[in-house]
Amino acid sequence: MTASVTRYTIFKTRWGHFGFICRGDSVCRTLLPIGDRAAAHRALLTSSELEIPYEKHLLRGLQQRIIGYFEGETVDFSADPAVDLTGFSVFQQAVLTACRRISLGQIRTYGQLATDAGRIKAARAVGGAMARNPVPLIIPCHRVVQSGGGLGGFSAIGGPTLKQRMLRHEQPEA
């Protein structure tokens, strides 16, 4: 397959239907789980993308890892799969790359992530980059919180309630 071929898949996890779009073998968009498959389809694809071909077994190994994550397995997405951040500024790419390195069960503040991305006083800009994260879960923006301990925003369907659920899901059992 050539790098320009775009495909998508939607599959069931314990939390609902998860979807992603790939350009070649790089993931360019994910959709965190929602209950209804038809709603997942509508949320994942924009009106201009309705002709993108569906591929049931697209990146099957990744699908299995995502299913495992929602079943409570320890899954690391920090280096694999490849992600496509076309259209993001150099700074936004640095922020998203730094965010991707946040380990399961760990959190960082927007300010800490700004420092990690090389711009110490850019916490608000980090928040903007997090809001545009095209591949939540793979780039774990849910692990970024406010310095005062608040959750901060979460632009994925489910909002801050889903962010809090994901953070609780990742904490080791006592």
C-alpha atoms as a PDB file:
ATOM      1  CA  MET A   1       0.000   0.000   0.000  1.00  0.00           C
ATOM      2  CA  THR A   2       1.161   3.489  -0.715  1.00  0.00           C
ATOM      3  CA  ALA A   3       1.542   6.074   2.019  1.00  0.00           C
ATOM      4  CA  SER A   4      -1.290   8.150   0.558  1.00  0.00           C
ATOM      5  CA  VAL A   5      -4.039   5.519   0.995  1.00  0.00           C
ATOM      6  CA  THR A   6      -6.477   6.614   3.702  1.00  0.00           C
ATOM      7  CA  ARG A   7      -8.657   4.037   5.479  1.00  0.00           C
ATOM      8  CA  TYR A   8     -10.618   3.779   8.701  1.00  0.00           C
ATOM      9  CA  THR A   9     -11.898   1.201  11.126  1.00  0.00           C
ATOM     10  CA  ILE A  10     -14.319   1.061  14.033  1.00  0.00           C
ATOM     11  CA  PHE A  11     -14.296  -1.782  16.531  1.00  0.00           C
ATOM     12  CA  LYS A  12     -15.856  -2.660  19.871  1.00  0.00           C
ATOM     13  CA  THR A  13     -14.026  -2.298  23.171  1.00  0.00           C
ATOM     14  CA  ARG A  14     -15.286  -2.854  26.689  1.00  0.00           C
ATOM     15  CA  TRP A  15     -16.020   0.919  26.878  1.00  0.00           C
ATOM     16  CA  GLY A  16     -17.790   1.230  23.536  1.00  0.00           C
ATOM     17  CA  HIS A  17     -16.859   1.629  19.865  1.00  0.00           C
ATOM     18  CA  PHE A  18     -13.374   3.024  19.166  1.00  0.00           C
ATOM     19  CA  GLY A  19     -12.319   4.219  15.735  1.00  0.00           C
ATOM     20  CA  PHE A  20      -9.268   5.462  13.919  1.00  0.00           C
ATOM     21  CA  ILE A  21      -8.258   6.768  10.524  1.00  0.00           C
ATOM     22  CA  CYS A  22      -4.886   5.986   8.936  1.00  0.00           C
ATOM     23  CA  ARG A  23      -2.938   7.514   6.092  1.00  0.00           C
ATOM     24  CA  GLY A  24      -0.685   4.690   5.013  1.00  0.00           C
ATOM     25  CA  ASP A  25       0.420   3.056   8.259  1.00  0.00           C
ATOM     26  CA  SER A  26       0.256   6.294  10.271  1.00  0.00           C
ATOM     27  CA  VAL A  27      -2.723   7.011  12.500  1.00  0.00           C
ATOM     28  CA  CYS A  28      -4.061  10.501  11.841  1.00  0.00           C
ATOM     29  CA  ARG A  29      -7.220  10.492  13.975  1.00  0.00           C
ATOM     30  CA  THR A  30      -8.724   8.460  16.791  1.00  0.00           C
ATOM     31  CA  LEU A  31     -12.152   8.469  18.371  1.00  0.00           C
ATOM     32  CA  LEU A  32     -12.384   7.462  22.009  1.00  0.00           C
ATOM     33  CA  PRO A  33     -15.106   4.899  22.718  1.00  0.00           C
ATOM     34  CA  ILE A  34     -18.753   5.827  22.427  1.00  0.00           C
ATOM     35  CA  GLY A  35     -21.686   3.495  22.879  1.00  0.00           C
ATOM     36  CA  ASP A  36     -23.243   3.300  19.448  1.00  0.00           C
ATOM     37  CA  ARG A  37     -21.403   2.143  16.294  1.00  0.00           C
ATOM     38  CA  ALA A  38     -23.400   4.459  14.008  1.00  0.00           C
ATOM     39  CA  ALA A  39     -22.651   7.407  16.318  1.00  0.00           C
ATOM     40  CA  ALA A  40     -18.967   6.441  16.256  1.00  0.00           C
ATOM     41  CA  HIS A  41     -19.033   6.440  12.465  1.00  0.00           C
ATOM     42  CA  ARG A  42     -20.659   9.902  12.393  1.00  0.00           C
ATOM     43  CA  ALA A  43     -18.198  11.275  14.967  1.00  0.00           C
ATOM     44  CA  LEU A  44     -15.077   9.841  13.321  1.00  0.00           C
ATOM     45  CA  LEU A  45     -15.677  10.832   9.711  1.00  0.00           C
ATOM     46  CA  THR A  46     -16.341  14.377   8.563  1.00  0.00           C
ATOM     47  CA  SER A  47     -18.765  14.933   5.687  1.00  0.00           C
ATOM     48  CA  SER A  48     -15.834  15.232   3.266  1.00  0.00           C
ATOM     49  CA  GLU A  49     -14.464  11.859   4.414  1.00  0.00           C
ATOM     50  CA  LEU A  50     -17.522   9.671   3.890  1.00  0.00           C
ATOM     51  CA  GLU A  51     -15.932   7.966   0.889  1.00  0.00           C
ATOM     52  CA  ILE A  52     -12.862   6.761   2.834  1.00  0.00           C
ATOM     53  CA  PRO A  53     -12.803   2.960   2.668  1.00  0.00           C
ATOM     54  CA  TYR A  54     -13.555   0.928   5.782  1.00  0.00           C
ATOM     55  CA  GLU A  55     -11.062  -1.824   6.624  1.00  0.00           C
ATOM     56  CA  LYS A  56     -12.153  -4.216   9.381  1.00  0.00           C
ATOM     57  CA  HIS A  57      -8.651  -5.480  10.219  1.00  0.00           C
ATOM     58  CA  LEU A  58      -6.791  -2.180   9.734  1.00  0.00           C
ATOM     59  CA  LEU A  59      -3.665  -2.291  11.934  1.00  0.00           C
ATOM     60  CA  ARG A  60      -5.100  -5.347  13.690  1.00  0.00           C
ATOM     61  CA  GLY A  61      -2.292  -5.449  16.256  1.00  0.00           C
ATOM     62  CA  LEU A  62      -3.088  -1.877  17.255  1.00  0.00           C
ATOM     63  CA  GLN A  63      -6.772  -2.745  17.550  1.00  0.00           C
ATOM     64  CA  GLN A  64      -5.890  -5.596  19.917  1.00  0.00           C
ATOM     65  CA  ARG A  65      -3.689  -3.304  22.036  1.00  0.00           C
ATOM     66  CA  ILE A  66      -6.477  -0.693  22.273  1.00  0.00           C
ATOM     67  CA  ILE A  67      -8.997  -3.365  23.276  1.00  0.00           C
ATOM     68  CA  GLY A  68      -6.478  -4.524  25.894  1.00  0.00           C
ATOM     69  CA  TYR A  69      -6.077  -1.006  27.271  1.00  0.00           C
ATOM     70  CA  PHE A  70      -9.821  -0.715  27.904  1.00  0.00           C
ATOM     71  CA  GLU A  71      -9.776  -4.150  29.574  1.00  0.00           C
ATOM     72  CA  GLY A  72      -7.152  -2.904  32.042  1.00  0.00           C
ATOM     73  CA  GLU A  73      -3.958  -4.200  30.443  1.00  0.00           C
ATOM     74  CA  THR A  74      -0.772  -2.148  30.638  1.00  0.00           C
ATOM     75  CA  VAL A  75      -0.323  -0.865  27.090  1.00  0.00           C
ATOM     76  CA  ASP A  76       2.390   1.512  25.874  1.00  0.00           C
ATOM     77  CA  PHE A  77       1.642   3.667  22.821  1.00  0.00           C
ATOM     78  CA  SER A  78       4.693   5.942  23.274  1.00  0.00           C
ATOM     79  CA  ALA A  79       6.556   4.752  20.169  1.00  0.00           C
ATOM     80  CA  ASP A  80       4.106   2.670  18.155  1.00  0.00           C
ATOM     81  CA  PRO A  81       2.027   3.246  16.069  1.00  0.00           C
ATOM     82  CA  ALA A  82       3.321   6.007  13.841  1.00  0.00           C
ATOM     83  CA  VAL A  83       1.163   9.128  13.993  1.00  0.00           C
ATOM     84  CA  ASP A  84       0.579  11.744  11.307  1.00  0.00           C
ATOM     85  CA  LEU A  85       0.750  15.292  12.695  1.00  0.00           C
ATOM     86  CA  THR A  86       0.541  17.039   9.329  1.00  0.00           C
ATOM     87  CA  GLY A  87      -0.812  20.552   9.712  1.00  0.00           C
ATOM     88  CA  PHE A  88       0.552  21.166  13.214  1.00  0.00           C
ATOM     89  CA  SER A  89       3.185  23.809  13.976  1.00  0.00           C
ATOM     90  CA  VAL A  90       6.670  22.805  15.119  1.00  0.00           C
ATOM     91  CA  PHE A  91       5.732  23.822  18.680  1.00  0.00           C
ATOM     92  CA  GLN A  92       2.454  21.875  18.621  1.00  0.00           C
ATOM     93  CA  GLN A  93       4.290  18.803  17.318  1.00  0.00           C
ATOM     94  CA  ALA A  94       6.855  19.171  20.138  1.00  0.00           C
ATOM     95  CA  VAL A  95       4.022  19.377  22.694  1.00  0.00           C
ATOM     96  CA  LEU A  96       2.202  16.357  21.271  1.00  0.00           C
ATOM     97  CA  THR A  97       5.460  14.377  21.107  1.00  0.00           C
ATOM     98  CA  ALA A  98       6.294  15.265  24.721  1.00  0.00           C
ATOM     99  CA  CYS A  99       2.773  14.314  25.777  1.00  0.00           C
ATOM    100  CA  ARG A 100       3.129  10.955  24.058  1.00  0.00           C
ATOM    101  CA  ARG A 101       6.029  10.151  26.389  1.00  0.00           C
ATOM    102  CA  ILE A 102       3.869  10.460  29.542  1.00  0.00           C
ATOM    103  CA  SER A 103       3.763   6.939  30.931  1.00  0.00           C
ATOM    104  CA  LEU A 104       0.632   5.041  31.875  1.00  0.00           C
ATOM    105  CA  GLY A 105      -0.425   6.012  35.391  1.00  0.00           C
ATOM    106  CA  GLN A 106       1.551   9.282  35.347  1.00  0.00           C
ATOM    107  CA  ILE A 107       0.300  12.830  34.954  1.00  0.00           C
ATOM    108  CA  ARG A 108       1.943  16.115  33.976  1.00  0.00           C
ATOM    109  CA  THR A 109       0.713  19.666  34.301  1.00  0.00           C
ATOM    110  CA  TYR A 110       0.292  21.971  31.324  1.00  0.00           C
ATOM    111  CA  GLY A 111       3.286  23.946  32.637  1.00  0.00           C
ATOM    112  CA  GLN A 112       5.464  20.850  32.973  1.00  0.00           C
ATOM    113  CA  LEU A 113       4.548  19.829  29.446  1.00  0.00           C
ATOM    114  CA  ALA A 114       5.438  23.329  28.195  1.00  0.00           C
ATOM    115  CA  THR A 115       8.877  22.894  29.774  1.00  0.00           C
ATOM    116  CA  ASP A 116       9.191  19.411  28.247  1.00  0.00           C
ATOM    117  CA  ALA A 117       8.418  20.953  24.837  1.00  0.00           C
ATOM    118  CA  GLY A 118      11.070  23.667  25.302  1.00  0.00           C
ATOM    119  CA  ARG A 119       8.793  26.665  26.016  1.00  0.00           C
ATOM    120  CA  ILE A 120       8.738  27.197  29.779  1.00  0.00           C
ATOM    121  CA  LYS A 121       6.020  29.864  29.893  1.00  0.00           C
ATOM    122  CA  ALA A 122       3.705  28.406  27.264  1.00  0.00           C
ATOM    123  CA  ALA A 123       1.196  26.500  29.431  1.00  0.00           C
ATOM    124  CA  ARG A 124      -1.805  28.130  27.698  1.00  0.00           C
ATOM    125  CA  ALA A 125      -0.396  27.260  24.275  1.00  0.00           C
ATOM    126  CA  VAL A 126       0.053  23.677  25.512  1.00  0.00           C
ATOM    127  CA  GLY A 127      -3.639  23.652  26.392  1.00  0.00           C
ATOM    128  CA  GLY A 128      -4.428  24.729  22.836  1.00  0.00           C
ATOM    129  CA  ALA A 129      -2.288  21.950  21.392  1.00  0.00           C
ATOM    130  CA  MET A 130      -3.949  19.408  23.702  1.00  0.00           C
ATOM    131  CA  ALA A 131      -7.392  20.584  22.548  1.00  0.00           C
ATOM    132  CA  ARG A 132      -6.359  19.872  18.937  1.00  0.00           C
ATOM    133  CA  ASN A 133      -4.823  16.442  19.671  1.00  0.00           C
ATOM    134  CA  PRO A 134      -6.036  14.311  16.753  1.00  0.00           C
ATOM    135  CA  VAL A 135      -5.108  10.962  18.317  1.00  0.00           C
ATOM    136  CA  PRO A 136      -6.265  10.795  21.944  1.00  0.00           C
ATOM    137  CA  LEU A 137      -5.192   7.661  23.799  1.00  0.00           C
ATOM    138  CA  ILE A 138      -2.166   7.211  21.510  1.00  0.00           C
ATOM    139  CA  ILE A 139      -1.122  10.731  22.506  1.00  0.00           C
ATOM    140  CA  PRO A 140      -2.477  10.626  26.066  1.00  0.00           C
ATOM    141  CA  CYS A 141      -3.695  14.205  26.504  1.00  0.00           C
ATOM    142  CA  HIS A 142      -5.951  12.948  29.303  1.00  0.00           C
ATOM    143  CA  ARG A 143      -2.774  12.695  31.433  1.00  0.00           C
ATOM    144  CA  VAL A 144      -2.265  16.478  31.369  1.00  0.00           C
ATOM    145  CA  VAL A 145      -3.894  18.424  34.226  1.00  0.00           C
ATOM    146  CA  GLN A 146      -3.910  21.895  35.743  1.00  0.00           C
ATOM    147  CA  SER A 147      -1.156  22.894  38.169  1.00  0.00           C
ATOM    148  CA  GLY A 148      -3.715  23.387  40.968  1.00  0.00           C
ATOM    149  CA  GLY A 149      -4.887  19.805  40.625  1.00  0.00           C
ATOM    150  CA  GLY A 150      -7.944  20.468  38.456  1.00  0.00           C
ATOM    151  CA  LEU A 151      -8.600  18.270  35.461  1.00  0.00           C
ATOM    152  CA  GLY A 152      -8.505  21.044  32.894  1.00  0.00           C
ATOM    153  CA  GLY A 153     -10.338  20.652  29.624  1.00  0.00           C
ATOM    154  CA  PHE A 154     -10.898  17.586  27.493  1.00  0.00           C
ATOM    155  CA  SER A 155     -12.257  18.075  23.992  1.00  0.00           C
ATOM    156  CA  ALA A 156     -13.044  14.407  23.279  1.00  0.00           C
ATOM    157  CA  ILE A 157     -16.649  13.238  23.324  1.00  0.00           C
ATOM    158  CA  GLY A 158     -17.365  12.605  26.988  1.00  0.00           C
ATOM    159  CA  GLY A 159     -15.392  15.682  28.109  1.00  0.00           C
ATOM    160  CA  PRO A 160     -13.852  15.946  31.577  1.00  0.00           C
ATOM    161  CA  THR A 161     -15.966  13.048  32.880  1.00  0.00           C
ATOM    162  CA  LEU A 162     -14.265  10.717  30.389  1.00  0.00           C
ATOM    163  CA  LYS A 163     -10.852  12.238  31.214  1.00  0.00           C
ATOM    164  CA  GLN A 164     -11.388  11.499  34.904  1.00  0.00           C
ATOM    165  CA  ARG A 165     -12.577   7.962  34.136  1.00  0.00           C
ATOM    166  CA  MET A 166      -9.470   7.299  32.029  1.00  0.00           C
ATOM    167  CA  LEU A 167      -7.161   8.626  34.761  1.00  0.00           C
ATOM    168  CA  ARG A 168      -8.852   6.412  37.374  1.00  0.00           C
ATOM    169  CA  HIS A 169      -8.630   3.454  34.973  1.00  0.00           C
ATOM    170  CA  GLU A 170      -4.861   3.919  34.741  1.00  0.00           C
ATOM    171  CA  GLN A 171      -4.154   4.064  38.475  1.00  0.00           C
ATOM    172  CA  PRO A 172      -2.715   0.888  39.974  1.00  0.00           C
ATOM    173  CA  GLU A 173      -5.036  -0.908  42.340  1.00  0.00           C
ATOM    174  CA  ALA A 174      -4.117  -0.507  46.013  1.00  0.00           C
END
